[in-house]
C-alpha atoms as a PDB file:
ATOM      1  CA  MET A   1      -0.154   0.179   0.187  1.00  0.00           C
ATOM      2  CA  ASN A   2       1.324   3.255  -1.037  1.00  0.00           C
ATOM      3  CA  LYS A   3       1.915   5.953   1.947  1.00  0.00           C
ATOM      4  CA  GLU A   4       0.377   9.401   1.516  1.00  0.00           C
ATOM      5  CA  LEU A   5       2.788  12.012   0.467  1.00  0.00           C
ATOM      6  CA  LYS A   6       2.929  15.010   2.733  1.00  0.00           C
ATOM      7  CA  LYS A   7       1.373  18.093   0.979  1.00  0.00           C
ATOM      8  CA  VAL A   8       3.297  21.481   0.925  1.00  0.00           C
ATOM      9  CA  ALA A   9       1.946  24.592   0.077  1.00  0.00           C
ATOM     10  CA  ILE A  10       4.039  27.068  -2.098  1.00  0.00           C
ATOM     11  CA  GLN A  11       3.516  30.522  -3.662  1.00  0.00           C
ATOM     12  CA  GLY A  12       3.460  30.272  -7.351  1.00  0.00           C
ATOM     13  CA  TYR A  13       3.504  27.869 -10.187  1.00  0.00           C
ATOM     14  CA  GLU A  14       4.762  24.315 -10.681  1.00  0.00           C
ATOM     15  CA  GLY A  15       8.543  24.305 -11.593  1.00  0.00           C
ATOM     16  CA  SER A  16       8.761  27.568  -9.252  1.00  0.00           C
ATOM     17  CA  PHE A  17      11.994  28.605  -7.166  1.00  0.00           C
ATOM     18  CA  HIS A  18       9.732  28.020  -3.994  1.00  0.00           C
ATOM     19  CA  GLN A  19       9.269  24.047  -5.480  1.00  0.00           C
ATOM     20  CA  ILE A  20      12.966  23.729  -5.729  1.00  0.00           C
ATOM     21  CA  ALA A  21      13.466  25.115  -2.146  1.00  0.00           C
ATOM     22  CA  ALA A  22      10.675  22.386  -1.053  1.00  0.00           C
ATOM     23  CA  TYR A  23      12.309  19.507  -2.689  1.00  0.00           C
ATOM     24  CA  ASN A  24      15.735  20.757  -1.272  1.00  0.00           C
ATOM     25  CA  TYR A  25      14.668  20.850   2.164  1.00  0.00           C
ATOM     26  CA  LEU A  26      12.040  18.360   2.337  1.00  0.00           C
ATOM     27  CA  GLY A  27      12.764  16.069  -0.544  1.00  0.00           C
ATOM     28  CA  ASP A  28      11.071  15.130  -3.560  1.00  0.00           C
ATOM     29  CA  ASP A  29       8.711  12.767  -2.007  1.00  0.00           C
ATOM     30  CA  ILE A  30       6.069  15.338  -1.432  1.00  0.00           C
ATOM     31  CA  THR A  31       2.699  16.730  -3.290  1.00  0.00           C
ATOM     32  CA  ILE A  32       3.442  20.135  -4.302  1.00  0.00           C
ATOM     33  CA  VAL A  33       0.133  22.778  -3.522  1.00  0.00           C
ATOM     34  CA  PRO A  34       0.310  25.734  -5.443  1.00  0.00           C
ATOM     35  CA  CYS A  35      -1.147  28.771  -4.287  1.00  0.00           C
ATOM     36  CA  ALA A  36      -1.806  32.074  -5.653  1.00  0.00           C
ATOM     37  CA  THR A  37      -0.680  34.058  -3.103  1.00  0.00           C
ATOM     38  CA  PHE A  38       1.514  33.817   0.225  1.00  0.00           C
ATOM     39  CA  ARG A  39      -1.614  34.650   2.464  1.00  0.00           C
ATOM     40  CA  GLU A  40      -3.191  31.132   1.124  1.00  0.00           C
ATOM     41  CA  VAL A  41       0.058  29.256   1.546  1.00  0.00           C
ATOM     42  CA  ALA A  42      -0.524  30.371   5.603  1.00  0.00           C
ATOM     43  CA  ARG A  43      -4.161  29.416   4.968  1.00  0.00           C
ATOM     44  CA  GLN A  44      -3.561  25.853   3.746  1.00  0.00           C
ATOM     45  CA  VAL A  45      -1.113  25.371   6.597  1.00  0.00           C
ATOM     46  CA  GLU A  46      -2.913  26.665   9.397  1.00  0.00           C
ATOM     47  CA  SER A  47      -5.848  24.829   8.183  1.00  0.00           C
ATOM     48  CA  GLY A  48      -3.926  21.631   8.134  1.00  0.00           C
ATOM     49  CA  GLU A  49      -5.039  21.107   4.181  1.00  0.00           C
ATOM     50  CA  SER A  50      -1.366  21.089   3.992  1.00  0.00           C
ATOM     51  CA  ASP A  51       1.149  19.969   6.273  1.00  0.00           C
ATOM     52  CA  TYR A  52       4.029  22.268   5.597  1.00  0.00           C
ATOM     53  CA  GLY A  53       4.221  25.882   3.694  1.00  0.00           C
ATOM     54  CA  VAL A  54       7.337  27.553   2.033  1.00  0.00           C
ATOM     55  CA  MET A  55       7.592  31.305   1.862  1.00  0.00           C
ATOM     56  CA  ALA A  56      10.255  33.337   0.581  1.00  0.00           C
ATOM     57  CA  ILE A  57      11.090  35.781   3.524  1.00  0.00           C
ATOM     58  CA  GLU A  58      14.163  37.528   2.364  1.00  0.00           C
ATOM     59  CA  ASN A  59      16.480  37.966  -0.747  1.00  0.00           C
ATOM     60  CA  SER A  60      20.241  38.901  -0.709  1.00  0.00           C
ATOM     61  CA  ILE A  61      19.493  41.759  -3.181  1.00  0.00           C
ATOM     62  CA  ALA A  62      16.001  42.881  -2.499  1.00  0.00           C
ATOM     63  CA  GLY A  63      15.929  42.606   1.108  1.00  0.00           C
ATOM     64  CA  SER A  64      13.162  41.393   3.204  1.00  0.00           C
ATOM     65  CA  ILE A  65       9.420  40.621   2.000  1.00  0.00           C
ATOM     66  CA  LEU A  66       7.336  42.662   4.721  1.00  0.00           C
ATOM     67  CA  SER A  67       4.246  41.408   3.897  1.00  0.00           C
ATOM     68  CA  ASN A  68       5.408  37.615   4.819  1.00  0.00           C
ATOM     69  CA  LEU A  69       6.857  38.838   7.893  1.00  0.00           C
ATOM     70  CA  ALA A  70       3.738  40.153   8.675  1.00  0.00           C
ATOM     71  CA  ILE A  71       1.809  36.800   7.956  1.00  0.00           C
ATOM     72  CA  LEU A  72       4.184  35.140  10.557  1.00  0.00           C
ATOM     73  CA  GLN A  73       2.761  37.151  13.481  1.00  0.00           C
ATOM     74  CA  ASN A  74       0.181  34.651  13.321  1.00  0.00           C
ATOM     75  CA  ASN A  75      -0.044  32.527  16.514  1.00  0.00           C
ATOM     76  CA  ASN A  76      -0.958  29.584  14.521  1.00  0.00           C
ATOM     77  CA  LEU A  77       2.029  28.955  12.328  1.00  0.00           C
ATOM     78  CA  GLN A  78       5.364  28.073  13.160  1.00  0.00           C
ATOM     79  CA  VAL A  79       8.821  28.055  11.423  1.00  0.00           C
ATOM     80  CA  ILE A  80      10.607  24.493  11.689  1.00  0.00           C
ATOM     81  CA  GLY A  81      13.394  25.403   9.511  1.00  0.00           C
ATOM     82  CA  GLU A  82      15.011  27.511   6.653  1.00  0.00           C
ATOM     83  CA  HIS A  83      16.688  26.945   3.117  1.00  0.00           C
ATOM     84  CA  TYR A  84      19.260  29.316   1.286  1.00  0.00           C
ATOM     85  CA  LEU A  85      18.458  29.069  -2.323  1.00  0.00           C
ATOM     86  CA  HIS A  86      20.957  30.175  -5.192  1.00  0.00           C
ATOM     87  CA  ILE A  87      18.973  31.663  -7.631  1.00  0.00           C
ATOM     88  CA  ARG A  88      20.011  30.922 -11.121  1.00  0.00           C
ATOM     89  CA  GLN A  89      18.033  32.314 -14.070  1.00  0.00           C
ATOM     90  CA  ASN A  90      18.156  30.109 -17.274  1.00  0.00           C
ATOM     91  CA  LEU A  91      16.870  31.063 -20.901  1.00  0.00           C
ATOM     92  CA  MET A  92      14.664  28.153 -22.510  1.00  0.00           C
ATOM     93  CA  VAL A  93      13.294  27.398 -25.400  1.00  0.00           C
ATOM     94  CA  LEU A  94      11.343  24.591 -27.427  1.00  0.00           C
ATOM     95  CA  PRO A  95      13.858  21.684 -27.677  1.00  0.00           C
ATOM     96  CA  ASP A  96      14.166  22.375 -31.614  1.00  0.00           C
ATOM     97  CA  VAL A  97      14.753  26.170 -31.203  1.00  0.00           C
ATOM     98  CA  GLU A  98      17.852  28.093 -31.176  1.00  0.00           C
ATOM     99  CA  LEU A  99      19.097  31.576 -30.363  1.00  0.00           C
ATOM    100  CA  GLU A 100      18.460  33.119 -34.062  1.00  0.00           C
ATOM    101  CA  ASP A 101      14.785  31.807 -33.806  1.00  0.00           C
ATOM    102  CA  ILE A 102      14.294  33.765 -30.574  1.00  0.00           C
ATOM    103  CA  GLU A 103      12.088  37.279 -30.883  1.00  0.00           C
ATOM    104  CA  GLU A 104      10.462  37.395 -27.561  1.00  0.00           C
ATOM    105  CA  VAL A 105      11.517  36.618 -23.927  1.00  0.00           C
ATOM    106  CA  HIS A 106       8.873  36.156 -21.173  1.00  0.00           C
ATOM    107  CA  SER A 107       9.285  36.186 -17.236  1.00  0.00           C
ATOM    108  CA  HIS A 108       8.432  37.852 -14.449  1.00  0.00           C
ATOM    109  CA  PRO A 109       9.624  41.439 -14.166  1.00  0.00           C
ATOM    110  CA  MET A 110      12.286  40.884 -11.219  1.00  0.00           C
ATOM    111  CA  ALA A 111      13.453  37.756 -13.337  1.00  0.00           C
ATOM    112  CA  LEU A 112      14.125  40.323 -16.441  1.00  0.00           C
ATOM    113  CA  LEU A 113      15.743  42.882 -14.359  1.00  0.00           C
ATOM    114  CA  GLN A 114      18.238  40.500 -12.853  1.00  0.00           C
ATOM    115  CA  CYS A 115      19.236  39.266 -16.471  1.00  0.00           C
ATOM    116  CA  ALA A 116      19.155  42.914 -17.871  1.00  0.00           C
ATOM    117  CA  ASP A 117      23.044  42.361 -18.844  1.00  0.00           C
ATOM    118  CA  TYR A 118      22.499  39.307 -20.657  1.00  0.00           C
ATOM    119  CA  LEU A 119      19.340  40.845 -22.375  1.00  0.00           C
ATOM    120  CA  ASP A 120      20.549  43.971 -23.647  1.00  0.00           C
ATOM    121  CA  GLN A 121      22.889  42.276 -25.657  1.00  0.00           C
ATOM    122  CA  HIS A 122      20.049  41.305 -28.061  1.00  0.00           C
ATOM    123  CA  LYS A 123      16.972  42.735 -29.871  1.00  0.00           C
ATOM    124  CA  TRP A 124      14.370  40.622 -28.314  1.00  0.00           C
ATOM    125  CA  LYS A 125      10.964  42.045 -27.109  1.00  0.00           C
ATOM    126  CA  LEU A 126      10.778  41.799 -23.613  1.00  0.00           C
ATOM    127  CA  VAL A 127       7.274  40.409 -22.005  1.00  0.00           C
ATOM    128  CA  GLU A 128       6.400  40.615 -18.524  1.00  0.00           C
ATOM    129  CA  THR A 129       4.499  37.888 -16.975  1.00  0.00           C
ATOM    130  CA  GLU A 130       3.540  37.295 -13.427  1.00  0.00           C
ATOM    131  CA  ASP A 131       5.766  34.096 -12.647  1.00  0.00           C
ATOM    132  CA  THR A 132       8.825  32.621 -14.212  1.00  0.00           C
ATOM    133  CA  ALA A 133       7.858  28.982 -14.224  1.00  0.00           C
ATOM    134  CA  LEU A 134       4.430  30.019 -15.740  1.00  0.00           C
ATOM    135  CA  SER A 135       6.334  31.558 -18.619  1.00  0.00           C
ATOM    136  CA  ALA A 136       7.972  28.488 -19.169  1.00  0.00           C
ATOM    137  CA  ARG A 137       4.804  26.433 -19.129  1.00  0.00           C
ATOM    138  CA  ARG A 138       2.976  28.553 -21.396  1.00  0.00           C
ATOM    139  CA  ILE A 139       5.591  28.658 -24.268  1.00  0.00           C
ATOM    140  CA  ALA A 140       5.987  24.379 -23.935  1.00  0.00           C
ATOM    141  CA  GLU A 141       1.903  23.976 -23.882  1.00  0.00           C
ATOM    142  CA  ARG A 142       1.340  26.640 -27.046  1.00  0.00           C
ATOM    143  CA  GLY A 143       4.680  25.543 -28.839  1.00  0.00           C
ATOM    144  CA  ILE A 144       5.742  28.731 -29.409  1.00  0.00           C
ATOM    145  CA  ARG A 145       8.697  28.841 -31.421  1.00  0.00           C
ATOM    146  CA  ASN A 146       9.603  32.573 -31.552  1.00  0.00           C
ATOM    147  CA  ALA A 147       9.480  32.968 -27.704  1.00  0.00           C
ATOM    148  CA  ALA A 148      11.819  32.010 -24.802  1.00  0.00           C
ATOM    149  CA  ALA A 149      11.211  32.119 -21.444  1.00  0.00           C
ATOM    150  CA  ILE A 150      13.716  32.775 -18.299  1.00  0.00           C
ATOM    151  CA  ALA A 151      13.075  30.514 -15.269  1.00  0.00           C
ATOM    152  CA  GLY A 152      14.852  27.807 -12.913  1.00  0.00           C
ATOM    153  CA  ASP A 153      16.254  24.713 -14.212  1.00  0.00           C
ATOM    154  CA  LEU A 154      13.310  22.500 -12.448  1.00  0.00           C
ATOM    155  CA  ALA A 155      10.643  24.254 -15.069  1.00  0.00           C
ATOM    156  CA  ALA A 156      12.777  23.463 -17.808  1.00  0.00           C
ATOM    157  CA  GLU A 157      12.861  19.604 -16.692  1.00  0.00           C
ATOM    158  CA  ILE A 158       9.249  19.601 -15.760  1.00  0.00           C
ATOM    159  CA  PHE A 159       7.909  21.060 -19.313  1.00  0.00           C
ATOM    160  CA  GLY A 160      10.483  19.621 -21.701  1.00  0.00           C
ATOM    161  CA  LEU A 161      12.386  23.024 -22.587  1.00  0.00           C
ATOM    162  CA  LYS A 162      15.810  23.426 -23.453  1.00  0.00           C
ATOM    163  CA  ILE A 163      18.411  25.432 -21.801  1.00  0.00           C
ATOM    164  CA  ILE A 164      19.852  27.352 -24.289  1.00  0.00           C
ATOM    165  CA  ALA A 165      21.874  29.749 -22.312  1.00  0.00           C
ATOM    166  CA  PRO A 166      22.127  29.090 -18.400  1.00  0.00           C
ATOM    167  CA  ASP A 167      23.291  31.420 -15.746  1.00  0.00           C
ATOM    168  CA  ILE A 168      22.381  34.441 -17.632  1.00  0.00           C
ATOM    169  CA  HIS A 169      21.597  36.606 -14.303  1.00  0.00           C
ATOM    170  CA  SER A 170      23.865  39.504 -13.565  1.00  0.00           C
ATOM    171  CA  ILE A 171      24.625  39.048  -9.915  1.00  0.00           C
ATOM    172  CA  LYS A 172      26.133  35.706  -9.457  1.00  0.00           C
ATOM    173  CA  ASN A 173      25.569  35.559  -5.686  1.00  0.00           C
ATOM    174  CA  ASN A 174      21.662  36.103  -5.463  1.00  0.00           C
ATOM    175  CA  TYR A 175      20.374  34.245  -2.706  1.00  0.00           C
ATOM    176  CA  THR A 176      16.833  33.980  -1.624  1.00  0.00           C
ATOM    177  CA  ARG A 177      16.061  32.941   2.046  1.00  0.00           C
ATOM    178  CA  PHE A 178      12.859  30.589   2.359  1.00  0.00           C
ATOM    179  CA  GLN A 179      11.430  29.598   5.667  1.00  0.00           C
ATOM    180  CA  ILE A 180       9.328  26.318   6.036  1.00  0.00           C
ATOM    181  CA  ILE A 181       6.251  26.786   8.014  1.00  0.00           C
ATOM    182  CA  HIS A 182       4.030  24.284  10.227  1.00  0.00           C
ATOM    183  CA  LYS A 183       1.248  24.391  12.496  1.00  0.00           C
ATOM    184  CA  THR A 184       1.929  25.402  16.280  1.00  0.00           C
ATOM    185  CA  ASN A 185       2.212  21.682  17.225  1.00  0.00           C
ATOM    186  CA  LEU A 186       5.671  20.305  16.946  1.00  0.00           C
ATOM    187  CA  SER A 187       8.323  20.319  19.648  1.00  0.00           C
ATOM    188  CA  ILE A 188      11.611  22.558  19.355  1.00  0.00           C
ATOM    189  CA  ASP A 189      14.462  20.463  17.864  1.00  0.00           C
ATOM    190  CA  GLU A 190      17.082  19.834  20.576  1.00  0.00           C
ATOM    191  CA  ASN A 191      19.994  20.871  17.660  1.00  0.00           C
ATOM    192  CA  ALA A 192      18.089  24.158  17.143  1.00  0.00           C
ATOM    193  CA  ASN A 193      20.789  27.124  17.050  1.00  0.00           C
ATOM    194  CA  LYS A 194      18.497  30.087  15.418  1.00  0.00           C
ATOM    195  CA  ALA A 195      15.086  31.877  16.469  1.00  0.00           C
ATOM    196  CA  SER A 196      12.766  34.094  14.928  1.00  0.00           C
ATOM    197  CA  LEU A 197      10.748  36.650  16.848  1.00  0.00           C
ATOM    198  CA  TYR A 198       9.086  40.035  16.790  1.00  0.00           C
ATOM    199  CA  PHE A 199       8.589  42.297  19.558  1.00  0.00           C
ATOM    200  CA  LYS A 200       6.814  45.685  20.265  1.00  0.00           C
ATOM    201  CA  THR A 201       8.251  48.415  22.813  1.00  0.00           C
ATOM    202  CA  ASN A 202       6.846  51.650  24.131  1.00  0.00           C
ATOM    203  CA  HIS A 203       7.426  54.897  22.566  1.00  0.00           C
ATOM    204  CA  THR A 204       9.794  55.994  25.148  1.00  0.00           C
ATOM    205  CA  HIS A 205      13.212  57.403  24.614  1.00  0.00           C
ATOM    206  CA  GLY A 206      15.703  54.534  24.177  1.00  0.00           C
ATOM    207  CA  SER A 207      13.161  51.668  24.376  1.00  0.00           C
ATOM    208  CA  LEU A 208      14.585  49.757  21.522  1.00  0.00           C
ATOM    209  CA  MET A 209      18.141  49.889  22.596  1.00  0.00           C
ATOM    210  CA  LYS A 210      17.140  48.562  26.515  1.00  0.00           C
ATOM    211  CA  VAL A 211      15.701  45.519  24.203  1.00  0.00           C
ATOM    212  CA  LEU A 212      18.749  44.726  22.295  1.00  0.00           C
ATOM    213  CA  ARG A 213      21.308  45.603  25.138  1.00  0.00           C
ATOM    214  CA  GLU A 214      19.843  42.193  26.836  1.00  0.00           C
ATOM    215  CA  MET A 215      21.914  40.365  24.008  1.00  0.00           C
ATOM    216  CA  GLU A 216      25.129  42.353  24.464  1.00  0.00           C
ATOM    217  CA  ASP A 217      26.410  39.761  27.181  1.00  0.00           C
ATOM    218  CA  SER A 218      25.168  36.575  26.148  1.00  0.00           C
ATOM    219  CA  THR A 219      26.311  34.038  23.427  1.00  0.00           C
ATOM    220  CA  ILE A 220      23.408  35.414  21.120  1.00  0.00           C
ATOM    221  CA  ASN A 221      24.400  36.563  17.631  1.00  0.00           C
ATOM    222  CA  MET A 222      21.665  38.844  16.057  1.00  0.00           C
ATOM    223  CA  THR A 223      21.438  38.064  12.463  1.00  0.00           C
ATOM    224  CA  LYS A 224      18.742  40.284  11.501  1.00  0.00           C
ATOM    225  CA  LEU A 225      16.843  43.486  12.710  1.00  0.00           C
ATOM    226  CA  GLN A 226      13.796  44.719  10.589  1.00  0.00           C
ATOM    227  CA  SER A 227      11.207  47.408  11.838  1.00  0.00           C
ATOM    228  CA  SER A 228       7.658  47.139  10.186  1.00  0.00           C
ATOM    229  CA  PRO A 229       4.869  49.466  10.911  1.00  0.00           C
ATOM    230  CA  ILE A 230       1.897  48.319  12.966  1.00  0.00           C
ATOM    231  CA  PRO A 231      -1.212  49.413  10.817  1.00  0.00           C
ATOM    232  CA  SER A 232      -3.322  50.032  13.500  1.00  0.00           C
ATOM    233  CA  GLU A 233      -1.167  52.385  15.267  1.00  0.00           C
ATOM    234  CA  PRO A 234       0.295  55.415  13.280  1.00  0.00           C
ATOM    235  CA  TRP A 235       3.928  55.735  13.583  1.00  0.00           C
ATOM    236  CA  HIS A 236       4.620  52.653  15.878  1.00  0.00           C
ATOM    237  CA  TYR A 237       6.565  49.527  14.797  1.00  0.00           C
ATOM    238  CA  MET A 238       7.293  46.174  15.135  1.00  0.00           C
ATOM    239  CA  PHE A 239      10.833  44.714  15.121  1.00  0.00           C
ATOM    240  CA  HIS A 240      11.434  41.309  13.760  1.00  0.00           C
ATOM    241  CA  VAL A 241      14.651  39.717  14.896  1.00  0.00           C
ATOM    242  CA  ASP A 242      16.490  36.522  13.862  1.00  0.00           C
ATOM    243  CA  MET A 243      19.295  35.606  16.445  1.00  0.00           C
ATOM    244  CA  GLU A 244      21.736  32.772  16.437  1.00  0.00           C
ATOM    245  CA  PHE A 245      22.833  31.015  19.628  1.00  0.00           C
ATOM    246  CA  ASP A 246      24.971  28.237  20.986  1.00  0.00           C
ATOM    247  CA  THR A 247      22.657  26.837  23.651  1.00  0.00           C
ATOM    248  CA  LEU A 248      18.956  26.476  24.001  1.00  0.00           C
ATOM    249  CA  TYR A 249      19.682  27.371  27.446  1.00  0.00           C
ATOM    250  CA  ASP A 250      21.366  30.864  26.469  1.00  0.00           C
ATOM    251  CA  TYR A 251      18.293  31.265  23.954  1.00  0.00           C
ATOM    252  CA  ASN A 252      15.798  30.953  26.810  1.00  0.00           C
ATOM    253  CA  ARG A 253      17.620  33.126  29.348  1.00  0.00           C
ATOM    254  CA  VAL A 254      18.027  36.105  26.845  1.00  0.00           C
ATOM    255  CA  VAL A 255      14.185  35.835  25.642  1.00  0.00           C
ATOM    256  CA  GLU A 256      12.972  35.893  29.304  1.00  0.00           C
ATOM    257  CA  ARG A 257      15.065  39.145  29.889  1.00  0.00           C
ATOM    258  CA  MET A 258      13.864  40.690  26.487  1.00  0.00           C
ATOM    259  CA  LYS A 259      10.046  40.225  27.480  1.00  0.00           C
ATOM    260  CA  ARG A 260      10.282  42.309  30.947  1.00  0.00           C
ATOM    261  CA  MET A 261      11.790  44.907  28.288  1.00  0.00           C
ATOM    262  CA  THR A 262       8.627  44.750  26.066  1.00  0.00           C
ATOM    263  CA  GLU A 263       5.015  45.344  25.590  1.00  0.00           C
ATOM    264  CA  GLU A 264       4.629  42.151  23.704  1.00  0.00           C
ATOM    265  CA  LEU A 265       6.916  39.799  22.433  1.00  0.00           C
ATOM    266  CA  HIS A 266       5.989  36.663  20.092  1.00  0.00           C
ATOM    267  CA  VAL A 267       8.746  33.735  18.918  1.00  0.00           C
ATOM    268  CA  TYR A 268       7.433  32.395  15.686  1.00  0.00           C
ATOM    269  CA  GLY A 269      10.363  30.013  14.837  1.00  0.00           C
ATOM    270  CA  VAL A 270      13.072  27.959  16.724  1.00  0.00           C
ATOM    271  CA  TYR A 271      14.793  26.004  14.498  1.00  0.00           C
ATOM    272  CA  LYS A 272      18.247  24.868  13.021  1.00  0.00           C
ATOM    273  CA  SER A 273      19.899  27.434  10.571  1.00  0.00           C
ATOM    274  CA  GLY A 274      20.254  26.778   7.084  1.00  0.00           C
ATOM    275  CA  LEU A 275      23.445  26.855   5.337  1.00  0.00           C
ATOM    276  CA  HIS A 276      23.980  30.018   3.011  1.00  0.00           C
ATOM    277  CA  ASN A 277      27.823  29.497   2.022  1.00  0.00           C
ATOM    278  CA  THR A 278      28.645  31.547  -0.981  1.00  0.00           C
ATOM    279  CA  GLU A 279      32.012  29.635  -1.646  1.00  0.00           C
ATOM    280  CA  GLN A 280      29.765  27.147  -3.647  1.00  0.00           C
ATOM    281  CA  LEU A 281      29.302  29.525  -6.330  1.00  0.00           C
END
């Protein structure tokens, strides 16, 4: 009897970078559930319709995705891991198409921008679409011979396209950090060495520094500090923090001290940090 595969919700279409990240972290033995929005990804996980979700949270070039940080304020979601994916953009066409046959290039606006140096060498018409992988799918399904798509290599593999020019992105060390989310019913991994949380302080002078100072005399290494506005309180901000630590004891001790200095503090993930070694390039 075949076992039921775990369902993993991703934002985007089959063959997207989210699917690559899901496979890299959870393995190929899963069922991908494409979602139109990140909020739908969160809803799928919260409702139990999907076992896990994969959400892009930060890009090494574009920075944090603030709307996704806001989603993680949901108390019913838990970050259980992260994955750093090297974003490689490829030019792909139908199997019997050559460079001289290309008249148009279809892709998401960000992907077109990331490949501007390469595209500027040609006189192709650039066509903006809503998704890189969807661009590849349309060319394959419609048999469009005069067009190419820019997407990840998984899209070429799934839709039977030929990568005619690999790695055409201008900035070669472009990474996206994805977080793996689950419902809040998992125990903390004893090997965890990273946490993600947000906190809110009062509006008095030095209140933020008092909270951050609690990490000074500890083994805690703050790897990210990101402010985001609180919609219901104009000119007030929530602060998102990623921190790495040597032991769970050190982490718990510092968080308890931070709680005494804040109006609100919520931990939405304690997990093992992902690898992001740029020497792999």
